[in-house]
Amino acid sequence: MKKAGDLMKEMGFNPQASDAAKEAFMKYLIKQSTGVNVQTPSERKEIQRHPEKIVNFTSKQLSFDFTQDEGSTEEGHSPEYRKKA
């Protein structure tokens, strides 16, 4: 197993980059290799300082009505659209 610093050096990452850029790079590598989202140390600190900012998203089922109206053609476009095209 390679160290993160060695891996970054091999990939040509700028060693003078900001800590935030380094964290983002490592987060990206972990996401691409494992498919798992991880929190960076600075993200964890921010959550600990401001837990009230955490937003829990709930998914909602979307539904669409794709029935054609009386003014549409077989392709689904209105006669006005066909004249423009």
Protein backbone atom coordinates (compact mmCIF):
# COMPACT_ATOMS: atom_id res chain seq x y z
CA MET A 1 0.00 0.00 0.00
CA LYS A 2 1.43 3.36 -1.02
CA LYS A 3 1.35 6.45 1.14
CA ALA A 4 -0.93 9.25 0.00
CA GLY A 5 2.02 11.64 -0.41
CA ASP A 6 3.88 9.16 -2.63
CA LEU A 7 0.79 8.56 -4.73
CA MET A 8 0.22 12.29 -5.17
CA LYS A 9 3.87 12.78 -6.17
CA GLU A 10 3.63 9.99 -8.78
CA MET A 11 0.53 11.56 -10.27
CA GLY A 12 2.24 14.94 -10.57
CA PHE A 13 0.20 16.75 -7.94
CA ASN A 14 1.63 20.16 -7.00
CA PRO A 15 3.19 19.83 -3.52
CA GLN A 16 2.69 23.57 -2.93
CA ALA A 17 -1.07 23.30 -3.46
CA SER A 18 -3.40 24.40 -0.68
CA ASP A 19 -4.58 21.92 1.94
CA ALA A 20 -8.10 22.22 0.56
CA ALA A 21 -6.88 21.19 -2.92
CA LYS A 22 -5.00 18.25 -1.44
CA GLU A 23 -8.09 17.14 0.49
CA ALA A 24 -10.28 17.47 -2.58
CA PHE A 25 -7.80 15.43 -4.65
CA MET A 26 -7.67 12.64 -2.09
CA LYS A 27 -11.45 12.68 -1.71
CA TYR A 28 -11.77 12.34 -5.49
CA LEU A 29 -9.32 9.41 -5.62
CA ILE A 30 -11.17 7.59 -2.84
CA LYS A 31 -14.53 8.18 -4.53
CA GLN A 32 -13.25 6.92 -7.89
CA SER A 33 -11.53 3.84 -6.49
CA THR A 34 -14.14 2.70 -3.96
CA GLY A 35 -17.34 4.52 -4.92
CA VAL A 36 -17.65 5.81 -1.36
CA ASN A 37 -18.07 9.46 -0.40
CA VAL A 38 -15.80 10.41 2.50
CA GLN A 39 -15.58 13.54 4.60
CA THR A 40 -12.33 15.45 4.61
CA PRO A 41 -10.87 16.62 7.93
CA SER A 42 -11.89 20.22 7.21
CA GLU A 43 -15.44 19.08 6.42
CA ARG A 44 -15.62 17.20 9.73
CA LYS A 45 -14.37 20.26 11.63
CA GLU A 46 -16.95 22.48 9.92
CA ILE A 47 -19.75 20.06 10.83
CA GLN A 48 -18.58 19.93 14.44
CA ARG A 49 -18.50 23.73 14.64
CA HIS A 50 -21.90 24.24 12.97
CA PRO A 51 -24.08 21.12 13.33
CA GLU A 52 -27.20 23.24 12.77
CA LYS A 53 -26.18 23.69 9.12
CA ILE A 54 -26.57 20.02 8.30
CA VAL A 55 -29.39 19.48 5.83
CA ASN A 56 -31.03 16.10 5.43
CA PHE A 57 -32.41 15.66 1.96
CA THR A 58 -35.38 13.42 1.50
CA SER A 59 -36.07 12.01 -1.90
CA LYS A 60 -39.42 12.57 -3.53
CA GLN A 61 -41.03 10.52 -6.24
CA LEU A 62 -41.48 12.55 -9.39
CA SER A 63 -44.26 11.85 -11.85
CA PHE A 64 -44.81 13.23 -15.32
CA ASP A 65 -47.81 13.24 -17.62
CA PHE A 66 -46.51 12.55 -21.12
CA THR A 67 -49.86 12.26 -22.84
CA GLN A 68 -50.08 14.21 -26.08
CA ASP A 69 -52.42 17.12 -26.35
CA GLU A 70 -54.72 17.63 -29.33
CA GLY A 71 -52.43 20.15 -31.03
CA SER A 72 -49.36 17.92 -31.27
CA THR A 73 -48.15 15.77 -34.15
CA GLU A 74 -47.06 12.15 -34.13
CA GLU A 75 -43.48 13.21 -33.35
CA GLY A 76 -44.70 15.11 -30.32
CA HIS A 77 -44.07 18.59 -31.72
CA SER A 78 -46.71 21.21 -32.25
CA PRO A 79 -47.46 22.33 -35.83
CA GLU A 80 -45.86 25.71 -35.00
CA TYR A 81 -42.62 23.99 -34.02
CA ARG A 82 -42.52 22.03 -37.27
CA LYS A 83 -42.87 25.26 -39.28
CA LYS A 84 -39.82 26.74 -37.50
CA ALA A 85 -37.72 23.62 -38.02
